[in-house]
Amino acid sequence: MEDAKSKAPDEMLAVVRRNWRLWTIFQASLVDSACTVPQPVRANLLGLANFVDRHTGQLLINPDPAKVEVLVNINRQIGEGLLEGQRAAAAKSAAAAPPVPPAGLRDSA
């Protein structure tokens, strides 16, 4: 997405449209009754998705490479948040797992 800023206007808009489709998929998933995302997080993400909708619509009407930066930052922050959550879950799982003794110290049953 970040590279879109330096592309020709039609290429930049194609990237912006793909990003918009991705956010539309997120929205559809978040409003699905089977969604397991906690309600407060769901509400925050839906609010962010609405902002992405409005900002993207404005960008499609008036293409401005500088305005792509807002979408890049949102995507980056969401990605970093998801990665941090994944790291925290992995650390919690590793801390809860019993230690495995070295191969030479294991019982041979």
PDB file of N, CA and C in Angstrom:
ATOM      1  N   MET A   1       0.829  -1.187   0.000  1.00  0.00           N
ATOM      2  CA  MET A   1       0.000   0.000   0.000  1.00  0.00           C
ATOM      3  C   MET A   1       0.872   1.248   0.000  1.00  0.00           C
ATOM      4  N   GLU A   2       1.971   1.215   0.741  1.00  0.00           N
ATOM      5  CA  GLU A   2       2.820   2.404   0.813  1.00  0.00           C
ATOM      6  C   GLU A   2       3.391   2.772  -0.553  1.00  0.00           C
ATOM      7  N   ASP A   3       3.709   1.773  -1.365  1.00  0.00           N
ATOM      8  CA  ASP A   3       4.245   2.038  -2.697  1.00  0.00           C
ATOM      9  C   ASP A   3       3.234   2.730  -3.603  1.00  0.00           C
ATOM     10  N   ALA A   4       1.957   2.655  -3.271  1.00  0.00           N
ATOM     11  CA  ALA A   4       0.908   3.254  -4.104  1.00  0.00           C
ATOM     12  C   ALA A   4       1.106   4.753  -4.256  1.00  0.00           C
ATOM     13  N   LYS A   5       1.701   5.389  -3.246  1.00  0.00           N
ATOM     14  CA  LYS A   5       1.880   6.840  -3.283  1.00  0.00           C
ATOM     15  C   LYS A   5       2.765   7.276  -4.441  1.00  0.00           C
ATOM     16  N   SER A   6       3.693   6.418  -4.843  1.00  0.00           N
ATOM     17  CA  SER A   6       4.632   6.793  -5.893  1.00  0.00           C
ATOM     18  C   SER A   6       4.234   6.252  -7.272  1.00  0.00           C
ATOM     19  N   LYS A   7       3.081   5.628  -7.366  1.00  0.00           N
ATOM     20  CA  LYS A   7       2.625   5.070  -8.636  1.00  0.00           C
ATOM     21  C   LYS A   7       1.823   6.097  -9.426  1.00  0.00           C
ATOM     22  N   ALA A   8       1.590   5.775 -10.688  1.00  0.00           N
ATOM     23  CA  ALA A   8       0.725   6.607 -11.526  1.00  0.00           C
ATOM     24  C   ALA A   8      -0.660   6.641 -10.888  1.00  0.00           C
ATOM     25  N   PRO A   9      -1.420   7.724 -11.113  1.00  0.00           N
ATOM     26  CA  PRO A   9      -2.733   7.856 -10.464  1.00  0.00           C
ATOM     27  C   PRO A   9      -3.658   6.656 -10.637  1.00  0.00           C
ATOM     28  N   ASP A  10      -3.732   6.070 -11.828  1.00  0.00           N
ATOM     29  CA  ASP A  10      -4.629   4.919 -12.023  1.00  0.00           C
ATOM     30  C   ASP A  10      -4.155   3.702 -11.236  1.00  0.00           C
ATOM     31  N   GLU A  11      -2.853   3.507 -11.138  1.00  0.00           N
ATOM     32  CA  GLU A  11      -2.315   2.390 -10.352  1.00  0.00           C
ATOM     33  C   GLU A  11      -2.538   2.636  -8.854  1.00  0.00           C
ATOM     34  N   MET A  12      -2.346   3.875  -8.432  1.00  0.00           N
ATOM     35  CA  MET A  12      -2.571   4.215  -7.034  1.00  0.00           C
ATOM     36  C   MET A  12      -4.023   3.940  -6.650  1.00  0.00           C
ATOM     37  N   LEU A  13      -4.945   4.341  -7.514  1.00  0.00           N
ATOM     38  CA  LEU A  13      -6.361   4.134  -7.224  1.00  0.00           C
ATOM     39  C   LEU A  13      -6.724   2.654  -7.218  1.00  0.00           C
ATOM     40  N   ALA A  14      -6.065   1.854  -8.048  1.00  0.00           N
ATOM     41  CA  ALA A  14      -6.318   0.404  -8.046  1.00  0.00           C
ATOM     42  C   ALA A  14      -5.911  -0.198  -6.695  1.00  0.00           C
ATOM     43  N   VAL A  15      -4.793   0.243  -6.161  1.00  0.00           N
ATOM     44  CA  VAL A  15      -4.330  -0.248  -4.859  1.00  0.00           C
ATOM     45  C   VAL A  15      -5.292   0.204  -3.756  1.00  0.00           C
ATOM     46  N   VAL A  16      -5.744   1.454  -3.839  1.00  0.00           N
ATOM     47  CA  VAL A  16      -6.683   1.985  -2.848  1.00  0.00           C
ATOM     48  C   VAL A  16      -7.994   1.199  -2.888  1.00  0.00           C
ATOM     49  N   ARG A  17      -8.451   0.858  -4.091  1.00  0.00           N
ATOM     50  CA  ARG A  17      -9.691   0.068  -4.217  1.00  0.00           C
ATOM     51  C   ARG A  17      -9.526  -1.327  -3.614  1.00  0.00           C
ATOM     52  N   ARG A  18      -8.357  -1.958  -3.821  1.00  0.00           N
ATOM     53  CA  ARG A  18      -8.114  -3.286  -3.226  1.00  0.00           C
ATOM     54  C   ARG A  18      -8.131  -3.195  -1.705  1.00  0.00           C
ATOM     55  N   ASN A  19      -7.527  -2.155  -1.173  1.00  0.00           N
ATOM     56  CA  ASN A  19      -7.534  -1.956   0.269  1.00  0.00           C
ATOM     57  C   ASN A  19      -8.970  -1.773   0.774  1.00  0.00           C
ATOM     58  N   TRP A  20      -9.752  -1.033   0.028  1.00  0.00           N
ATOM     59  CA  TRP A  20     -11.153  -0.802   0.388  1.00  0.00           C
ATOM     60  C   TRP A  20     -11.934  -2.114   0.406  1.00  0.00           C
ATOM     61  N   ARG A  21     -11.675  -2.974  -0.584  1.00  0.00           N
ATOM     62  CA  ARG A  21     -12.341  -4.294  -0.609  1.00  0.00           C
ATOM     63  C   ARG A  21     -11.967  -5.109   0.612  1.00  0.00           C
ATOM     64  N   LEU A  22     -10.708  -5.046   0.995  1.00  0.00           N
ATOM     65  CA  LEU A  22     -10.256  -5.773   2.179  1.00  0.00           C
ATOM     66  C   LEU A  22     -10.999  -5.286   3.428  1.00  0.00           C
ATOM     67  N   TRP A  23     -11.124  -3.972   3.562  1.00  0.00           N
ATOM     68  CA  TRP A  23     -11.851  -3.422   4.702  1.00  0.00           C
ATOM     69  C   TRP A  23     -13.334  -3.768   4.639  1.00  0.00           C
ATOM     70  N   THR A  24     -13.887  -3.898   3.455  1.00  0.00           N
ATOM     71  CA  THR A  24     -15.287  -4.316   3.304  1.00  0.00           C
ATOM     72  C   THR A  24     -15.457  -5.754   3.795  1.00  0.00           C
ATOM     73  N   ILE A  25     -14.479  -6.588   3.518  1.00  0.00           N
ATOM     74  CA  ILE A  25     -14.506  -7.975   4.013  1.00  0.00           C
ATOM     75  C   ILE A  25     -14.451  -7.970   5.547  1.00  0.00           C
ATOM     76  N   PHE A  26     -13.581  -7.128   6.107  1.00  0.00           N
ATOM     77  CA  PHE A  26     -13.518  -7.010   7.572  1.00  0.00           C
ATOM     78  C   PHE A  26     -14.881  -6.618   8.129  1.00  0.00           C
ATOM     79  N   GLN A  27     -15.502  -5.604   7.514  1.00  0.00           N
ATOM     80  CA  GLN A  27     -16.810  -5.139   7.983  1.00  0.00           C
ATOM     81  C   GLN A  27     -17.831  -6.278   7.952  1.00  0.00           C
ATOM     82  N   ALA A  28     -17.869  -7.006   6.851  1.00  0.00           N
ATOM     83  CA  ALA A  28     -18.833  -8.104   6.727  1.00  0.00           C
ATOM     84  C   ALA A  28     -18.596  -9.153   7.810  1.00  0.00           C
ATOM     85  N   SER A  29     -17.353  -9.441   8.089  1.00  0.00           N
ATOM     86  CA  SER A  29     -17.027 -10.419   9.133  1.00  0.00           C
ATOM     87  C   SER A  29     -17.417  -9.914  10.516  1.00  0.00           C
ATOM     88  N   LEU A  30     -17.214  -8.633  10.747  1.00  0.00           N
ATOM     89  CA  LEU A  30     -17.489  -8.063  12.065  1.00  0.00           C
ATOM     90  C   LEU A  30     -18.976  -7.961  12.370  1.00  0.00           C
ATOM     91  N   VAL A  31     -19.821  -7.830  11.351  1.00  0.00           N
ATOM     92  CA  VAL A  31     -21.265  -7.745  11.599  1.00  0.00           C
ATOM     93  C   VAL A  31     -21.940  -9.112  11.523  1.00  0.00           C
ATOM     94  N   ASP A  32     -21.199 -10.134  11.173  1.00  0.00           N
ATOM     95  CA  ASP A  32     -21.735 -11.491  11.110  1.00  0.00           C
ATOM     96  C   ASP A  32     -22.084 -11.958  12.528  1.00  0.00           C
ATOM     97  N   SER A  33     -23.221 -12.597  12.681  1.00  0.00           N
ATOM     98  CA  SER A  33     -23.650 -13.061  14.007  1.00  0.00           C
ATOM     99  C   SER A  33     -22.705 -14.111  14.592  1.00  0.00           C
ATOM    100  N   ALA A  34     -21.928 -14.769  13.753  1.00  0.00           N
ATOM    101  CA  ALA A  34     -20.983 -15.781  14.229  1.00  0.00           C
ATOM    102  C   ALA A  34     -19.630 -15.183  14.618  1.00  0.00           C
ATOM    103  N   CYS A  35     -19.480 -13.884  14.501  1.00  0.00           N
ATOM    104  CA  CYS A  35     -18.212 -13.216  14.827  1.00  0.00           C
ATOM    105  C   CYS A  35     -17.913 -13.381  16.323  1.00  0.00           C
ATOM    106  N   THR A  36     -16.708 -13.818  16.629  1.00  0.00           N
ATOM    107  CA  THR A  36     -16.317 -14.049  18.024  1.00  0.00           C
ATOM    108  C   THR A  36     -15.467 -12.919  18.593  1.00  0.00           C
ATOM    109  N   VAL A  37     -15.267 -11.872  17.823  1.00  0.00           N
ATOM    110  CA  VAL A  37     -14.498 -10.723  18.307  1.00  0.00           C
ATOM    111  C   VAL A  37     -15.311 -10.048  19.417  1.00  0.00           C
ATOM    112  N   PRO A  38     -14.687  -9.741  20.550  1.00  0.00           N
ATOM    113  CA  PRO A  38     -15.421  -9.087  21.637  1.00  0.00           C
ATOM    114  C   PRO A  38     -16.094  -7.797  21.151  1.00  0.00           C
ATOM    115  N   GLN A  39     -17.284  -7.526  21.696  1.00  0.00           N
ATOM    116  CA  GLN A  39     -18.091  -6.393  21.236  1.00  0.00           C
ATOM    117  C   GLN A  39     -17.357  -5.055  21.247  1.00  0.00           C
ATOM    118  N   PRO A  40     -16.612  -4.706  22.311  1.00  0.00           N
ATOM    119  CA  PRO A  40     -15.917  -3.409  22.292  1.00  0.00           C
ATOM    120  C   PRO A  40     -14.890  -3.305  21.153  1.00  0.00           C
ATOM    121  N   VAL A  41     -14.163  -4.394  20.908  1.00  0.00           N
ATOM    122  CA  VAL A  41     -13.177  -4.405  19.822  1.00  0.00           C
ATOM    123  C   VAL A  41     -13.895  -4.327  18.483  1.00  0.00           C
ATOM    124  N   ARG A  42     -14.982  -5.076  18.368  1.00  0.00           N
ATOM    125  CA  ARG A  42     -15.779  -5.066  17.144  1.00  0.00           C
ATOM    126  C   ARG A  42     -16.278  -3.654  16.833  1.00  0.00           C
ATOM    127  N   ALA A  43     -16.788  -2.975  17.848  1.00  0.00           N
ATOM    128  CA  ALA A  43     -17.300  -1.610  17.652  1.00  0.00           C
ATOM    129  C   ALA A  43     -16.179  -0.665  17.215  1.00  0.00           C
ATOM    130  N   ASN A  44     -15.020  -0.790  17.828  1.00  0.00           N
ATOM    131  CA  ASN A  44     -13.883   0.058  17.443  1.00  0.00           C
ATOM    132  C   ASN A  44     -13.449  -0.207  16.003  1.00  0.00           C
ATOM    133  N   LEU A  45     -13.371  -1.469  15.636  1.00  0.00           N
ATOM    134  CA  LEU A  45     -12.966  -1.809  14.270  1.00  0.00           C
ATOM    135  C   LEU A  45     -14.005  -1.358  13.248  1.00  0.00           C
ATOM    136  N   LEU A  46     -15.279  -1.471  13.595  1.00  0.00           N
ATOM    137  CA  LEU A  46     -16.318  -1.003  12.673  1.00  0.00           C
ATOM    138  C   LEU A  46     -16.263   0.513  12.506  1.00  0.00           C
ATOM    139  N   GLY A  47     -15.977   1.232  13.585  1.00  0.00           N
ATOM    140  CA  GLY A  47     -15.801   2.675  13.479  1.00  0.00           C
ATOM    141  C   GLY A  47     -14.620   3.032  12.595  1.00  0.00           C
ATOM    142  N   LEU A  48     -13.541   2.292  12.753  1.00  0.00           N
ATOM    143  CA  LEU A  48     -12.364   2.504  11.913  1.00  0.00           C
ATOM    144  C   LEU A  48     -12.667   2.164  10.457  1.00  0.00           C
ATOM    145  N   ALA A  49     -13.414   1.098  10.242  1.00  0.00           N
ATOM    146  CA  ALA A  49     -13.799   0.711   8.876  1.00  0.00           C
ATOM    147  C   ALA A  49     -14.665   1.789   8.230  1.00  0.00           C
ATOM    148  N   ASN A  50     -15.546   2.401   9.014  1.00  0.00           N
ATOM    149  CA  ASN A  50     -16.364   3.502   8.475  1.00  0.00           C
ATOM    150  C   ASN A  50     -15.488   4.685   8.083  1.00  0.00           C
ATOM    151  N   PHE A  51     -14.485   4.975   8.896  1.00  0.00           N
ATOM    152  CA  PHE A  51     -13.546   6.045   8.544  1.00  0.00           C
ATOM    153  C   PHE A  51     -12.821   5.706   7.246  1.00  0.00           C
ATOM    154  N   VAL A  52     -12.355   4.451   7.128  1.00  0.00           N
ATOM    155  CA  VAL A  52     -11.661   4.018   5.907  1.00  0.00           C
ATOM    156  C   VAL A  52     -12.585   4.179   4.705  1.00  0.00           C
ATOM    157  N   ASP A  53     -13.861   3.829   4.860  1.00  0.00           N
ATOM    158  CA  ASP A  53     -14.835   4.016   3.773  1.00  0.00           C
ATOM    159  C   ASP A  53     -14.889   5.473   3.325  1.00  0.00           C
ATOM    160  N   ARG A  54     -15.081   6.360   4.286  1.00  0.00           N
ATOM    161  CA  ARG A  54     -15.215   7.795   3.953  1.00  0.00           C
ATOM    162  C   ARG A  54     -13.929   8.344   3.340  1.00  0.00           C
ATOM    163  N   HIS A  55     -12.809   8.008   3.947  1.00  0.00           N
ATOM    164  CA  HIS A  55     -11.523   8.518   3.467  1.00  0.00           C
ATOM    165  C   HIS A  55     -11.220   7.988   2.064  1.00  0.00           C
ATOM    166  N   THR A  56     -11.506   6.716   1.851  1.00  0.00           N
ATOM    167  CA  THR A  56     -11.259   6.126   0.533  1.00  0.00           C
ATOM    168  C   THR A  56     -12.162   6.761  -0.514  1.00  0.00           C
ATOM    169  N   GLY A  57     -13.419   6.970  -0.174  1.00  0.00           N
ATOM    170  CA  GLY A  57     -14.331   7.622  -1.114  1.00  0.00           C
ATOM    171  C   GLY A  57     -13.823   8.995  -1.523  1.00  0.00           C
ATOM    172  N   GLN A  58     -13.358   9.765  -0.546  1.00  0.00           N
ATOM    173  CA  GLN A  58     -12.802  11.086  -0.846  1.00  0.00           C
ATOM    174  C   GLN A  58     -11.554  10.979  -1.711  1.00  0.00           C
ATOM    175  N   LEU A  59     -10.736   9.980  -1.430  1.00  0.00           N
ATOM    176  CA  LEU A  59      -9.503   9.771  -2.190  1.00  0.00           C
ATOM    177  C   LEU A  59      -9.799   9.382  -3.632  1.00  0.00           C
ATOM    178  N   LEU A  60     -10.853   8.589  -3.836  1.00  0.00           N
ATOM    179  CA  LEU A  60     -11.215   8.189  -5.199  1.00  0.00           C
ATOM    180  C   LEU A  60     -11.752   9.380  -5.996  1.00  0.00           C
ATOM    181  N   ILE A  61     -12.419  10.307  -5.310  1.00  0.00           N
ATOM    182  CA  ILE A  61     -12.943  11.504  -5.979  1.00  0.00           C
ATOM    183  C   ILE A  61     -11.813  12.484  -6.289  1.00  0.00           C
ATOM    184  N   ASN A  62     -10.899  12.645  -5.333  1.00  0.00           N
ATOM    185  CA  ASN A  62      -9.805  13.600  -5.476  1.00  0.00           C
ATOM    186  C   ASN A  62      -8.491  12.884  -5.160  1.00  0.00           C
ATOM    187  N   PRO A  63      -7.921  12.162  -6.143  1.00  0.00           N
ATOM    188  CA  PRO A  63      -6.691  11.405  -5.892  1.00  0.00           C
ATOM    189  C   PRO A  63      -5.545  12.307  -5.423  1.00  0.00           C
ATOM    190  N   ASP A  64      -5.020  11.979  -4.270  1.00  0.00           N
ATOM    191  CA  ASP A  64      -3.912  12.727  -3.689  1.00  0.00           C
ATOM    192  C   ASP A  64      -2.996  11.730  -2.989  1.00  0.00           C
ATOM    193  N   PRO A  65      -1.797  11.506  -3.547  1.00  0.00           N
ATOM    194  CA  PRO A  65      -0.885  10.530  -2.939  1.00  0.00           C
ATOM    195  C   PRO A  65      -0.630  10.769  -1.448  1.00  0.00           C
ATOM    196  N   ALA A  66      -0.647  12.010  -1.018  1.00  0.00           N
ATOM    197  CA  ALA A  66      -0.402  12.307   0.402  1.00  0.00           C
ATOM    198  C   ALA A  66      -1.502  11.736   1.286  1.00  0.00           C
ATOM    199  N   LYS A  67      -2.723  11.638   0.761  1.00  0.00           N
ATOM    200  CA  LYS A  67      -3.846  11.120   1.553  1.00  0.00           C
ATOM    201  C   LYS A  67      -3.806   9.600   1.698  1.00  0.00           C
ATOM    202  N   VAL A  68      -2.991   8.943   0.906  1.00  0.00           N
ATOM    203  CA  VAL A  68      -2.838   7.488   1.022  1.00  0.00           C
ATOM    204  C   VAL A  68      -2.142   7.146   2.334  1.00  0.00           C
ATOM    205  N   GLU A  69      -1.316   8.060   2.827  1.00  0.00           N
ATOM    206  CA  GLU A  69      -0.549   7.821   4.051  1.00  0.00           C
ATOM    207  C   GLU A  69      -1.451   7.478   5.237  1.00  0.00           C
ATOM    208  N   VAL A  70      -2.620   8.088   5.312  1.00  0.00           N
ATOM    209  CA  VAL A  70      -3.561   7.799   6.409  1.00  0.00           C
ATOM    210  C   VAL A  70      -3.949   6.321   6.384  1.00  0.00           C
ATOM    211  N   LEU A  71      -4.253   5.806   5.199  1.00  0.00           N
ATOM    212  CA  LEU A  71      -4.638   4.397   5.070  1.00  0.00           C
ATOM    213  C   LEU A  71      -3.457   3.478   5.369  1.00  0.00           C
ATOM    214  N   VAL A  72      -2.276   3.870   4.926  1.00  0.00           N
ATOM    215  CA  VAL A  72      -1.069   3.084   5.222  1.00  0.00           C
ATOM    216  C   VAL A  72      -0.876   2.993   6.731  1.00  0.00           C
ATOM    217  N   ASN A  73      -1.009   4.117   7.425  1.00  0.00           N
ATOM    218  CA  ASN A  73      -0.815   4.124   8.884  1.00  0.00           C
ATOM    219  C   ASN A  73      -1.846   3.263   9.601  1.00  0.00           C
ATOM    220  N   ILE A  74      -3.095   3.338   9.167  1.00  0.00           N
ATOM    221  CA  ILE A  74      -4.142   2.511   9.787  1.00  0.00           C
ATOM    222  C   ILE A  74      -3.820   1.035   9.603  1.00  0.00           C
ATOM    223  N   ASN A  75      -3.503   0.647   8.378  1.00  0.00           N
ATOM    224  CA  ASN A  75      -3.185  -0.762   8.113  1.00  0.00           C
ATOM    225  C   ASN A  75      -1.982  -1.215   8.928  1.00  0.00           C
ATOM    226  N   ARG A  76      -0.972  -0.370   8.987  1.00  0.00           N
ATOM    227  CA  ARG A  76       0.247  -0.718   9.728  1.00  0.00           C
ATOM    228  C   ARG A  76      -0.060  -0.878  11.217  1.00  0.00           C
ATOM    229  N   GLN A  77      -0.835   0.024  11.786  1.00  0.00           N
ATOM    230  CA  GLN A  77      -1.150  -0.056  13.216  1.00  0.00           C
ATOM    231  C   GLN A  77      -2.001  -1.284  13.536  1.00  0.00           C
ATOM    232  N   ILE A  78      -2.955  -1.598  12.679  1.00  0.00           N
ATOM    233  CA  ILE A  78      -3.766  -2.802  12.883  1.00  0.00           C
ATOM    234  C   ILE A  78      -2.872  -4.035  12.793  1.00  0.00           C
ATOM    235  N   GLY A  79      -2.010  -4.076  11.788  1.00  0.00           N
ATOM    236  CA  GLY A  79      -1.095  -5.214  11.632  1.00  0.00           C
ATOM    237  C   GLY A  79      -0.182  -5.378  12.827  1.00  0.00           C
ATOM    238  N   GLU A  80       0.373  -4.265  13.323  1.00  0.00           N
ATOM    239  CA  GLU A  80       1.251  -4.329  14.491  1.00  0.00           C
ATOM    240  C   GLU A  80       0.490  -4.797  15.730  1.00  0.00           C
ATOM    241  N   GLY A  81      -0.743  -4.345  15.868  1.00  0.00           N
ATOM    242  CA  GLY A  81      -1.558  -4.780  16.999  1.00  0.00           C
ATOM    243  C   GLY A  81      -1.845  -6.271  16.951  1.00  0.00           C
ATOM    244  N   LEU A  82      -2.159  -6.764  15.760  1.00  0.00           N
ATOM    245  CA  LEU A  82      -2.421  -8.196  15.608  1.00  0.00           C
ATOM    246  C   LEU A  82      -1.170  -9.011  15.886  1.00  0.00           C
ATOM    247  N   LEU A  83      -0.033  -8.534  15.401  1.00  0.00           N
ATOM    248  CA  LEU A  83       1.231  -9.236  15.629  1.00  0.00           C
ATOM    249  C   LEU A  83       1.579  -9.251  17.110  1.00  0.00           C
ATOM    250  N   GLU A  84       1.373  -8.129  17.795  1.00  0.00           N
ATOM    251  CA  GLU A  84       1.652  -8.064  19.222  1.00  0.00           C
ATOM    252  C   GLU A  84       0.746  -9.019  20.004  1.00  0.00           C
ATOM    253  N   GLY A  85      -0.525  -9.099  19.606  1.00  0.00           N
ATOM    254  CA  GLY A  85      -1.439 -10.037  20.239  1.00  0.00           C
ATOM    255  C   GLY A  85      -1.000 -11.475  20.043  1.00  0.00           C
ATOM    256  N   GLN A  86      -0.509 -11.762  18.850  1.00  0.00           N
ATOM    257  CA  GLN A  86      -0.027 -13.111  18.549  1.00  0.00           C
ATOM    258  C   GLN A  86       1.208 -13.436  19.391  1.00  0.00           C
ATOM    259  N   ARG A  87       2.102 -12.472  19.522  1.00  0.00           N
ATOM    260  CA  ARG A  87       3.305 -12.676  20.345  1.00  0.00           C
ATOM    261  C   ARG A  87       2.933 -12.900  21.810  1.00  0.00           C
ATOM    262  N   ALA A  88       2.005 -12.112  22.307  1.00  0.00           N
ATOM    263  CA  ALA A  88       1.587 -12.246  23.705  1.00  0.00           C
ATOM    264  C   ALA A  88       0.958 -13.612  23.950  1.00  0.00           C
ATOM    265  N   ALA A  89       0.126 -14.068  23.017  1.00  0.00           N
ATOM    266  CA  ALA A  89      -0.502 -15.385  23.160  1.00  0.00           C
ATOM    267  C   ALA A  89       0.548 -16.490  23.127  1.00  0.00           C
ATOM    268  N   ALA A  90       1.547 -16.356  22.250  1.00  0.00           N
ATOM    269  CA  ALA A  90       2.606 -17.363  22.168  1.00  0.00           C
ATOM    270  C   ALA A  90       3.433 -17.382  23.452  1.00  0.00           C
ATOM    271  N   ALA A  91       3.727 -16.206  23.995  1.00  0.00           N
ATOM    272  CA  ALA A  91       4.499 -16.137  25.242  1.00  0.00           C
ATOM    273  C   ALA A  91       3.721 -16.740  26.401  1.00  0.00           C
ATOM    274  N   LYS A  92       2.424 -16.463  26.453  1.00  0.00           N
ATOM    275  CA  LYS A  92       1.577 -17.017  27.517  1.00  0.00           C
ATOM    276  C   LYS A  92       1.522 -18.535  27.403  1.00  0.00           C
ATOM    277  N   SER A  93       1.399 -19.033  26.188  1.00  0.00           N
ATOM    278  CA  SER A  93       1.344 -20.468  25.953  1.00  0.00           C
ATOM    279  C   SER A  93       2.667 -21.132  26.337  1.00  0.00           C
ATOM    280  N   ALA A  94       3.770 -20.498  25.979  1.00  0.00           N
ATOM    281  CA  ALA A  94       5.090 -21.051  26.303  1.00  0.00           C
ATOM    282  C   ALA A  94       5.315 -21.059  27.812  1.00  0.00           C
ATOM    283  N   ALA A  95       4.838 -20.023  28.503  1.00  0.00           N
ATOM    284  CA  ALA A  95       5.012 -19.950  29.954  1.00  0.00           C
ATOM    285  C   ALA A  95       4.168 -21.002  30.666  1.00  0.00           C
ATOM    286  N   ALA A  96       3.051 -21.373  30.087  1.00  0.00           N
ATOM    287  CA  ALA A  96       2.151 -22.340  30.712  1.00  0.00           C
ATOM    288  C   ALA A  96       2.562 -23.781  30.429  1.00  0.00           C
ATOM    289  N   ALA A  97       3.359 -24.003  29.411  1.00  0.00           N
ATOM    290  CA  ALA A  97       3.765 -25.366  29.037  1.00  0.00           C
ATOM    291  C   ALA A  97       4.819 -25.875  30.012  1.00  0.00           C
ATOM    292  N   PRO A  98       4.724 -27.153  30.382  1.00  0.00           N
ATOM    293  CA  PRO A  98       5.742 -27.716  31.275  1.00  0.00           C
ATOM    294  C   PRO A  98       7.084 -27.794  30.538  1.00  0.00           C
ATOM    295  N   PRO A  99       8.181 -27.596  31.251  1.00  0.00           N
ATOM    296  CA  PRO A  99       9.492 -27.661  30.602  1.00  0.00           C
ATOM    297  C   PRO A  99       9.790 -29.073  30.121  1.00  0.00           C
ATOM    298  N   VAL A 100      10.481 -29.152  29.020  1.00  0.00           N
ATOM    299  CA  VAL A 100      10.877 -30.440  28.452  1.00  0.00           C
ATOM    300  C   VAL A 100      12.325 -30.673  28.832  1.00  0.00           C
ATOM    301  N   PRO A 101      12.609 -31.780  29.526  1.00  0.00           N
ATOM    302  CA  PRO A 101      14.002 -32.032  29.931  1.00  0.00           C
ATOM    303  C   PRO A 101      14.864 -32.336  28.705  1.00  0.00           C
ATOM    304  N   PRO A 102      16.153 -32.061  28.798  1.00  0.00           N
ATOM    305  CA  PRO A 102      17.055 -32.388  27.689  1.00  0.00           C
ATOM    306  C   PRO A 102      16.991 -33.880  27.376  1.00  0.00           C
ATOM    307  N   ALA A 103      17.300 -34.230  26.148  1.00  0.00           N
ATOM    308  CA  ALA A 103      17.169 -35.615  25.664  1.00  0.00           C
ATOM    309  C   ALA A 103      17.928 -36.598  26.561  1.00  0.00           C
ATOM    310  N   GLY A 104      19.086 -36.246  27.041  1.00  0.00           N
ATOM    311  CA  GLY A 104      19.875 -37.157  27.865  1.00  0.00           C
ATOM    312  C   GLY A 104      19.291 -37.404  29.237  1.00  0.00           C
ATOM    313  N   LEU A 105      18.354 -36.576  29.687  1.00  0.00           N
ATOM    314  CA  LEU A 105      17.785 -36.718  31.017  1.00  0.00           C
ATOM    315  C   LEU A 105      16.373 -37.307  30.999  1.00  0.00           C
ATOM    316  N   ARG A 106      15.839 -37.626  29.848  1.00  0.00           N
ATOM    317  CA  ARG A 106      14.492 -38.181  29.758  1.00  0.00           C
ATOM    318  C   ARG A 106      14.493 -39.652  30.146  1.00  0.00           C
ATOM    319  N   ASP A 107      13.378 -40.080  30.737  1.00  0.00           N
ATOM    320  CA  ASP A 107      13.218 -41.505  31.052  1.00  0.00           C
ATOM    321  C   ASP A 107      13.072 -42.273  29.771  1.00  0.00           C
ATOM    322  N   SER A 108      13.673 -43.420  29.673  1.00  0.00           N
ATOM    323  CA  SER A 108      13.473 -44.261  28.491  1.00  0.00           C
ATOM    324  C   SER A 108      12.541 -45.381  28.886  1.00  0.00           C
ATOM    325  N   ALA A 109      11.292 -45.209  28.535  1.00  0.00           N
ATOM    326  CA  ALA A 109      10.283 -46.185  28.942  1.00  0.00           C
ATOM    327  C   ALA A 109      10.016 -47.161  27.876  1.00  0.00           C
TER     328      ALA A 109
END
